[in-house]
PDB file of N, CA and C in Angstrom:
ATOM      1  N   UNK A   1      69.670  -2.769  10.350  1.00  0.00           N
ATOM      2  CA  UNK A   1      68.220  -2.677  10.124  1.00  0.00           C
ATOM      3  C   UNK A   1      68.187  -2.266   8.905  1.00  0.00           C
ATOM      4  N   UNK A   2      66.989  -3.031   8.242  1.00  0.00           N
ATOM      5  CA  UNK A   2      66.978  -2.356   6.891  1.00  0.00           C
ATOM      6  C   UNK A   2      66.250  -1.240   6.607  1.00  0.00           C
ATOM      7  N   UNK A   3      67.105  -0.309   5.986  1.00  0.00           N
ATOM      8  CA  UNK A   3      66.361   1.190   6.031  1.00  0.00           C
ATOM      9  C   UNK A   3      65.313   1.324   5.183  1.00  0.00           C
ATOM     10  N   UNK A   4      64.466  -0.125   4.333  1.00  0.00           N
ATOM     11  CA  UNK A   4      63.568   0.333   3.617  1.00  0.00           C
ATOM     12  C   UNK A   4      62.530  -0.776   4.236  1.00  0.00           C
ATOM     13  N   UNK A   5      62.589  -1.218   5.263  1.00  0.00           N
ATOM     14  CA  UNK A   5      61.645  -1.955   5.968  1.00  0.00           C
ATOM     15  C   UNK A   5      60.703  -0.965   6.884  1.00  0.00           C
ATOM     16  N   UNK A   6      60.957   0.237   6.800  1.00  0.00           N
ATOM     17  CA  UNK A   6      59.843   1.536   7.680  1.00  0.00           C
ATOM     18  C   UNK A   6      59.020   1.670   6.397  1.00  0.00           C
ATOM     19  N   UNK A   7      59.756   1.734   5.225  1.00  0.00           N
ATOM     20  CA  UNK A   7      58.849   2.528   3.574  1.00  0.00           C
ATOM     21  C   UNK A   7      58.152   0.834   3.321  1.00  0.00           C
ATOM     22  N   UNK A   8      58.456  -0.127   3.937  1.00  0.00           N
ATOM     23  CA  UNK A   8      57.936  -1.190   3.279  1.00  0.00           C
ATOM     24  C   UNK A   8      56.375  -1.524   4.019  1.00  0.00           C
ATOM     25  N   UNK A   9      56.678  -1.265   5.662  1.00  0.00           N
ATOM     26  CA  UNK A   9      55.570  -1.352   6.196  1.00  0.00           C
ATOM     27  C   UNK A   9      54.593  -0.221   5.953  1.00  0.00           C
ATOM     28  N   UNK A  10      55.096   1.018   5.981  1.00  0.00           N
ATOM     29  CA  UNK A  10      54.417   2.054   5.605  1.00  0.00           C
ATOM     30  C   UNK A  10      53.524   1.723   4.247  1.00  0.00           C
ATOM     31  N   UNK A  11      54.220   1.661   3.177  1.00  0.00           N
ATOM     32  CA  UNK A  11      53.362   0.970   2.242  1.00  0.00           C
ATOM     33  C   UNK A  11      52.472  -0.249   2.282  1.00  0.00           C
ATOM     34  N   UNK A  12      52.366  -1.273   3.007  1.00  0.00           N
ATOM     35  CA  UNK A  12      51.843  -2.485   3.150  1.00  0.00           C
ATOM     36  C   UNK A  12      50.239  -1.653   4.139  1.00  0.00           C
ATOM     37  N   UNK A  13      50.726  -0.693   4.914  1.00  0.00           N
ATOM     38  CA  UNK A  13      49.561  -0.337   5.577  1.00  0.00           C
ATOM     39  C   UNK A  13      48.873   0.679   4.751  1.00  0.00           C
ATOM     40  N   UNK A  14      49.294   1.322   4.125  1.00  0.00           N
ATOM     41  CA  UNK A  14      49.126   2.094   2.890  1.00  0.00           C
ATOM     42  C   UNK A  14      48.057   1.497   1.891  1.00  0.00           C
ATOM     43  N   UNK A  15      48.657   0.407   1.772  1.00  0.00           N
ATOM     44  CA  UNK A  15      47.994  -0.564   0.516  1.00  0.00           C
ATOM     45  C   UNK A  15      46.526  -1.230   1.194  1.00  0.00           C
ATOM     46  N   UNK A  16      46.955  -1.483   2.509  1.00  0.00           N
ATOM     47  CA  UNK A  16      45.406  -1.915   2.794  1.00  0.00           C
ATOM     48  C   UNK A  16      44.312  -0.872   3.209  1.00  0.00           C
ATOM     49  N   UNK A  17      44.768   0.235   3.565  1.00  0.00           N
ATOM     50  CA  UNK A  17      43.481   1.403   3.929  1.00  0.00           C
ATOM     51  C   UNK A  17      42.939   1.597   2.557  1.00  0.00           C
ATOM     52  N   UNK A  18      43.806   1.833   1.375  1.00  0.00           N
ATOM     53  CA  UNK A  18      43.414   1.761   0.026  1.00  0.00           C
ATOM     54  C   UNK A  18      42.412   0.578  -0.601  1.00  0.00           C
ATOM     55  N   UNK A  19      42.524  -0.452   0.001  1.00  0.00           N
ATOM     56  CA  UNK A  19      41.559  -1.607  -0.167  1.00  0.00           C
ATOM     57  C   UNK A  19      40.300  -1.684   0.701  1.00  0.00           C
ATOM     58  N   UNK A  20      40.272  -0.922   1.657  1.00  0.00           N
ATOM     59  CA  UNK A  20      39.336  -0.858   2.356  1.00  0.00           C
ATOM     60  C   UNK A  20      37.929  -0.607   1.458  1.00  0.00           C
ATOM     61  N   UNK A  21      36.662  -1.258   1.835  1.00  0.00           N
ATOM     62  CA  UNK A  21      35.703  -0.674   1.116  1.00  0.00           C
ATOM     63  C   UNK A  21      34.736   0.038   1.963  1.00  0.00           C
ATOM     64  N   UNK A  22      34.066   0.724   1.031  1.00  0.00           N
ATOM     65  CA  UNK A  22      32.910   1.812   1.431  1.00  0.00           C
ATOM     66  C   UNK A  22      32.156   1.076   2.391  1.00  0.00           C
ATOM     67  N   UNK A  23      31.395   1.334   3.608  1.00  0.00           N
ATOM     68  CA  UNK A  23      30.349   0.298   4.342  1.00  0.00           C
ATOM     69  C   UNK A  23      28.706   1.768   4.028  1.00  0.00           C
ATOM     70  N   UNK A  24      27.911   0.975   3.655  1.00  0.00           N
ATOM     71  CA  UNK A  24      26.474   1.666   3.322  1.00  0.00           C
ATOM     72  C   UNK A  24      25.758   1.050   4.610  1.00  0.00           C
ATOM     73  N   UNK A  25      25.230   2.542   4.894  1.00  0.00           N
ATOM     74  CA  UNK A  25      23.697   2.094   6.174  1.00  0.00           C
ATOM     75  C   UNK A  25      23.014   1.411   5.386  1.00  0.00           C
ATOM     76  N   UNK A  26      22.065   0.789   6.322  1.00  0.00           N
ATOM     77  CA  UNK A  26      20.900   0.026   5.693  1.00  0.00           C
ATOM     78  C   UNK A  26      19.874   1.114   4.799  1.00  0.00           C
ATOM     79  N   UNK A  27      19.975   1.868   5.507  1.00  0.00           N
ATOM     80  CA  UNK A  27      19.052   3.007   4.872  1.00  0.00           C
ATOM     81  C   UNK A  27      19.557   3.860   3.776  1.00  0.00           C
ATOM     82  N   UNK A  28      20.775   4.023   3.365  1.00  0.00           N
ATOM     83  CA  UNK A  28      21.301   4.311   2.129  1.00  0.00           C
ATOM     84  C   UNK A  28      21.084   3.168   1.536  1.00  0.00           C
ATOM     85  N   UNK A  29      21.103   1.663   1.870  1.00  0.00           N
ATOM     86  CA  UNK A  29      20.939   0.856   0.699  1.00  0.00           C
ATOM     87  C   UNK A  29      19.837   0.321  -0.013  1.00  0.00           C
ATOM     88  N   UNK A  30      18.934   0.651   1.164  1.00  0.00           N
ATOM     89  CA  UNK A  30      17.482   0.939   0.396  1.00  0.00           C
ATOM     90  C   UNK A  30      17.014   1.774  -0.244  1.00  0.00           C
ATOM     91  N   UNK A  31      17.751   3.423  -0.059  1.00  0.00           N
ATOM     92  CA  UNK A  31      17.489   4.442  -1.263  1.00  0.00           C
ATOM     93  C   UNK A  31      18.237   3.822  -2.570  1.00  0.00           C
ATOM     94  N   UNK A  32      19.301   3.201  -2.787  1.00  0.00           N
ATOM     95  CA  UNK A  32      19.899   2.764  -4.012  1.00  0.00           C
ATOM     96  C   UNK A  32      19.038   2.011  -4.351  1.00  0.00           C
ATOM     97  N   UNK A  33      18.740   0.689  -3.827  1.00  0.00           N
ATOM     98  CA  UNK A  33      17.948   0.104  -4.558  1.00  0.00           C
ATOM     99  C   UNK A  33      16.191   0.369  -4.622  1.00  0.00           C
ATOM    100  N   UNK A  34      16.163   0.988  -4.082  1.00  0.00           N
ATOM    101  CA  UNK A  34      14.587   1.685  -4.136  1.00  0.00           C
ATOM    102  C   UNK A  34      13.416   0.719  -3.548  1.00  0.00           C
ATOM    103  N   UNK A  35      14.066   0.099  -2.747  1.00  0.00           N
ATOM    104  CA  UNK A  35      13.405  -1.275  -1.850  1.00  0.00           C
ATOM    105  C   UNK A  35      12.766  -0.980  -0.200  1.00  0.00           C
ATOM    106  N   UNK A  36      12.139  -1.631   0.273  1.00  0.00           N
ATOM    107  CA  UNK A  36      11.851  -1.497   1.974  1.00  0.00           C
ATOM    108  C   UNK A  36      12.825  -2.024   2.697  1.00  0.00           C
ATOM    109  N   UNK A  37      12.390  -2.004   3.858  1.00  0.00           N
ATOM    110  CA  UNK A  37      13.420  -2.172   5.153  1.00  0.00           C
ATOM    111  C   UNK A  37      13.049  -4.297   4.892  1.00  0.00           C
ATOM    112  N   UNK A  38      11.988  -4.620   4.585  1.00  0.00           N
ATOM    113  CA  UNK A  38      11.445  -5.962   4.742  1.00  0.00           C
ATOM    114  C   UNK A  38      12.280  -6.987   3.849  1.00  0.00           C
ATOM    115  N   UNK A  39      12.090  -6.145   2.867  1.00  0.00           N
ATOM    116  CA  UNK A  39      12.820  -6.877   1.368  1.00  0.00           C
ATOM    117  C   UNK A  39      14.440  -6.978   1.429  1.00  0.00           C
ATOM    118  N   UNK A  40      14.985  -5.742   2.090  1.00  0.00           N
ATOM    119  CA  UNK A  40      16.238  -5.952   2.325  1.00  0.00           C
ATOM    120  C   UNK A  40      17.136  -6.878   3.112  1.00  0.00           C
ATOM    121  N   UNK A  41      15.735  -6.973   4.447  1.00  0.00           N
ATOM    122  CA  UNK A  41      16.350  -8.032   5.391  1.00  0.00           C
ATOM    123  C   UNK A  41      16.234  -9.293   5.230  1.00  0.00           C
ATOM    124  N   UNK A  42      15.287  -9.805   3.786  1.00  0.00           N
ATOM    125  CA  UNK A  42      15.112 -10.740   3.423  1.00  0.00           C
ATOM    126  C   UNK A  42      16.282 -11.241   2.421  1.00  0.00           C
ATOM    127  N   UNK A  43      16.718 -10.372   1.811  1.00  0.00           N
ATOM    128  CA  UNK A  43      17.846 -10.349   1.000  1.00  0.00           C
ATOM    129  C   UNK A  43      19.342 -10.913   1.624  1.00  0.00           C
ATOM    130  N   UNK A  44      19.271  -9.888   2.927  1.00  0.00           N
ATOM    131  CA  UNK A  44      20.554 -10.011   4.013  1.00  0.00           C
ATOM    132  C   UNK A  44      20.273 -11.497   4.409  1.00  0.00           C
ATOM    133  N   UNK A  45      19.007 -11.946   4.946  1.00  0.00           N
ATOM    134  CA  UNK A  45      19.053 -13.173   5.773  1.00  0.00           C
ATOM    135  C   UNK A  45      18.847 -14.447   4.786  1.00  0.00           C
ATOM    136  N   UNK A  46      18.776 -14.540   3.637  1.00  0.00           N
ATOM    137  CA  UNK A  46      19.185 -15.491   2.758  1.00  0.00           C
ATOM    138  C   UNK A  46      20.218 -15.830   1.752  1.00  0.00           C
ATOM    139  N   UNK A  47      21.222 -14.600   2.483  1.00  0.00           N
ATOM    140  CA  UNK A  47      22.322 -14.618   1.786  1.00  0.00           C
ATOM    141  C   UNK A  47      22.881 -14.110   0.602  1.00  0.00           C
ATOM    142  N   UNK A  48      21.586 -13.390  -0.233  1.00  0.00           N
ATOM    143  CA  UNK A  48      21.890 -12.805  -1.192  1.00  0.00           C
ATOM    144  C   UNK A  48      22.609 -11.326  -1.385  1.00  0.00           C
ATOM    145  N   UNK A  49      22.605 -10.928   0.002  1.00  0.00           N
ATOM    146  CA  UNK A  49      23.509  -9.667   0.106  1.00  0.00           C
ATOM    147  C   UNK A  49      23.898 -10.019   1.430  1.00  0.00           C
ATOM    148  N   UNK A  50      25.476  -9.905   1.136  1.00  0.00           N
ATOM    149  CA  UNK A  50      26.266  -9.657   2.653  1.00  0.00           C
ATOM    150  C   UNK A  50      25.993  -8.829   3.141  1.00  0.00           C
ATOM    151  N   UNK A  51      26.119  -8.811   4.459  1.00  0.00           N
ATOM    152  CA  UNK A  51      26.175  -7.581   5.591  1.00  0.00           C
ATOM    153  C   UNK A  51      27.650  -7.523   6.633  1.00  0.00           C
ATOM    154  N   UNK A  52      27.761  -6.733   6.808  1.00  0.00           N
ATOM    155  CA  UNK A  52      29.020  -6.709   7.996  1.00  0.00           C
ATOM    156  C   UNK A  52      28.380  -6.001   9.540  1.00  0.00           C
ATOM    157  N   UNK A  53      28.458  -6.674  10.554  1.00  0.00           N
ATOM    158  CA  UNK A  53      28.062  -6.045  11.593  1.00  0.00           C
ATOM    159  C   UNK A  53      29.054  -5.574  12.448  1.00  0.00           C
ATOM    160  N   UNK A  54      29.031  -4.080  12.825  1.00  0.00           N
ATOM    161  CA  UNK A  54      29.642  -3.442  13.611  1.00  0.00           C
ATOM    162  C   UNK A  54      29.063  -2.692  14.759  1.00  0.00           C
ATOM    163  N   UNK A  55      29.399  -3.529  16.249  1.00  0.00           N
ATOM    164  CA  UNK A  55      28.778  -3.362  17.225  1.00  0.00           C
ATOM    165  C   UNK A  55      27.042  -3.897  17.096  1.00  0.00           C
ATOM    166  N   UNK A  56      25.956  -2.496  17.100  1.00  0.00           N
ATOM    167  CA  UNK A  56      24.695  -3.507  16.686  1.00  0.00           C
ATOM    168  C   UNK A  56      24.150  -2.816  15.554  1.00  0.00           C
ATOM    169  N   UNK A  57      24.891  -1.975  14.761  1.00  0.00           N
ATOM    170  CA  UNK A  57      24.533  -1.663  13.388  1.00  0.00           C
ATOM    171  C   UNK A  57      25.075  -2.504  12.454  1.00  0.00           C
ATOM    172  N   UNK A  58      24.370  -3.078  11.511  1.00  0.00           N
ATOM    173  CA  UNK A  58      24.534  -3.741  10.216  1.00  0.00           C
ATOM    174  C   UNK A  58      25.053  -2.564   8.791  1.00  0.00           C
ATOM    175  N   UNK A  59      26.005  -3.193   8.395  1.00  0.00           N
ATOM    176  CA  UNK A  59      26.276  -2.280   6.898  1.00  0.00           C
ATOM    177  C   UNK A  59      26.295  -3.092   5.988  1.00  0.00           C
ATOM    178  N   UNK A  60      26.189  -2.599   4.823  1.00  0.00           N
ATOM    179  CA  UNK A  60      26.334  -3.081   3.334  1.00  0.00           C
ATOM    180  C   UNK A  60      28.280  -2.633   2.687  1.00  0.00           C
ATOM    181  N   UNK A  61      28.895  -3.710   2.363  1.00  0.00           N
ATOM    182  CA  UNK A  61      30.022  -3.134   1.480  1.00  0.00           C
ATOM    183  C   UNK A  61      29.560  -2.752   0.481  1.00  0.00           C
ATOM    184  N   UNK A  62      29.870  -1.950  -0.480  1.00  0.00           N
ATOM    185  CA  UNK A  62      29.766  -1.145  -1.665  1.00  0.00           C
ATOM    186  C   UNK A  62      29.807  -1.973  -2.922  1.00  0.00           C
ATOM    187  N   UNK A  63      31.052  -2.852  -2.681  1.00  0.00           N
ATOM    188  CA  UNK A  63      31.350  -3.903  -3.835  1.00  0.00           C
ATOM    189  C   UNK A  63      30.015  -4.694  -3.564  1.00  0.00           C
ATOM    190  N   UNK A  64      29.906  -5.154  -2.549  1.00  0.00           N
ATOM    191  CA  UNK A  64      28.990  -6.407  -2.360  1.00  0.00           C
ATOM    192  C   UNK A  64      27.465  -5.808  -3.111  1.00  0.00           C
ATOM    193  N   UNK A  65      27.263  -4.530  -2.733  1.00  0.00           N
ATOM    194  CA  UNK A  65      25.921  -3.832  -3.036  1.00  0.00           C
ATOM    195  C   UNK A  65      25.930  -3.872  -4.718  1.00  0.00           C
ATOM    196  N   UNK A  66      27.276  -3.605  -5.202  1.00  0.00           N
ATOM    197  CA  UNK A  66      27.560  -3.573  -7.178  1.00  0.00           C
ATOM    198  C   UNK A  66      27.301  -5.058  -7.320  1.00  0.00           C
ATOM    199  N   UNK A  67      28.114  -5.894  -6.618  1.00  0.00           N
ATOM    200  CA  UNK A  67      27.489  -7.369  -6.802  1.00  0.00           C
ATOM    201  C   UNK A  67      26.350  -7.910  -7.196  1.00  0.00           C
ATOM    202  N   UNK A  68      25.524  -7.490  -6.117  1.00  0.00           N
ATOM    203  CA  UNK A  68      24.278  -7.552  -5.916  1.00  0.00           C
ATOM    204  C   UNK A  68      23.316  -7.564  -7.200  1.00  0.00           C
ATOM    205  N   UNK A  69      23.665  -6.246  -7.171  1.00  0.00           N
ATOM    206  CA  UNK A  69      22.794  -5.678  -8.521  1.00  0.00           C
ATOM    207  C   UNK A  69      23.257  -6.086  -9.961  1.00  0.00           C
ATOM    208  N   UNK A  70      24.500  -6.507 -10.023  1.00  0.00           N
ATOM    209  CA  UNK A  70      25.322  -7.323 -11.380  1.00  0.00           C
ATOM    210  C   UNK A  70      24.507  -8.791 -11.456  1.00  0.00           C
ATOM    211  N   UNK A  71      24.587  -9.482 -10.327  1.00  0.00           N
ATOM    212  CA  UNK A  71      23.605 -10.491 -10.291  1.00  0.00           C
ATOM    213  C   UNK A  71      22.102 -10.595 -10.884  1.00  0.00           C
ATOM    214  N   UNK A  72      21.505  -9.438 -10.626  1.00  0.00           N
ATOM    215  CA  UNK A  72      19.788  -9.470 -10.913  1.00  0.00           C
ATOM    216  C   UNK A  72      19.407  -8.421 -11.647  1.00  0.00           C
ATOM    217  N   UNK A  73      20.820  -8.253 -12.322  1.00  0.00           N
ATOM    218  CA  UNK A  73      20.268  -7.648 -13.281  1.00  0.00           C
ATOM    219  C   UNK A  73      20.063  -8.084 -15.010  1.00  0.00           C
ATOM    220  N   UNK A  74      18.803  -7.663 -15.324  1.00  0.00           N
ATOM    221  CA  UNK A  74      17.961  -8.409 -16.091  1.00  0.00           C
ATOM    222  C   UNK A  74      18.109  -8.459 -17.552  1.00  0.00           C
ATOM    223  N   UNK A  75      18.517  -7.142 -18.215  1.00  0.00           N
ATOM    224  CA  UNK A  75      18.495  -7.166 -19.511  1.00  0.00           C
ATOM    225  C   UNK A  75      19.687  -5.900 -19.579  1.00  0.00           C
ATOM    226  N   UNK A  76      20.347  -5.280 -20.726  1.00  0.00           N
ATOM    227  CA  UNK A  76      21.255  -4.404 -20.757  1.00  0.00           C
ATOM    228  C   UNK A  76      22.652  -4.732 -20.559  1.00  0.00           C
ATOM    229  N   UNK A  77      23.627  -3.588 -20.582  1.00  0.00           N
ATOM    230  CA  UNK A  77      24.648  -3.880 -19.870  1.00  0.00           C
ATOM    231  C   UNK A  77      25.255  -2.911 -18.929  1.00  0.00           C
ATOM    232  N   UNK A  78      26.091  -3.512 -18.197  1.00  0.00           N
ATOM    233  CA  UNK A  78      26.641  -2.012 -16.931  1.00  0.00           C
ATOM    234  C   UNK A  78      27.173  -1.095 -17.382  1.00  0.00           C
ATOM    235  N   UNK A  79      27.041  -0.012 -17.012  1.00  0.00           N
ATOM    236  CA  UNK A  79      27.675   1.418 -17.242  1.00  0.00           C
ATOM    237  C   UNK A  79      28.999   1.277 -16.597  1.00  0.00           C
ATOM    238  N   UNK A  80      29.960   1.227 -16.398  1.00  0.00           N
ATOM    239  CA  UNK A  80      31.176   1.119 -15.473  1.00  0.00           C
ATOM    240  C   UNK A  80      31.382   2.984 -15.334  1.00  0.00           C
TER     241      UNK A  80
END
């Protein structure tokens, strides 16, 4: 048995956990974008804003929200 295999498995699990994206509720997303539910659902249904469904609840990945904002920016520059 390779003594590093346990460390490798732990490292791989740790890497996956660090790559898990934050999920925002639809209410949180509406507050960030300062839009109503109807417009949010329109953006979701036309594929502009991807969403994740867990059970009966929908969520927006934080990185997808940032990408959506970047795609819809009309001027200026993004502040990191």
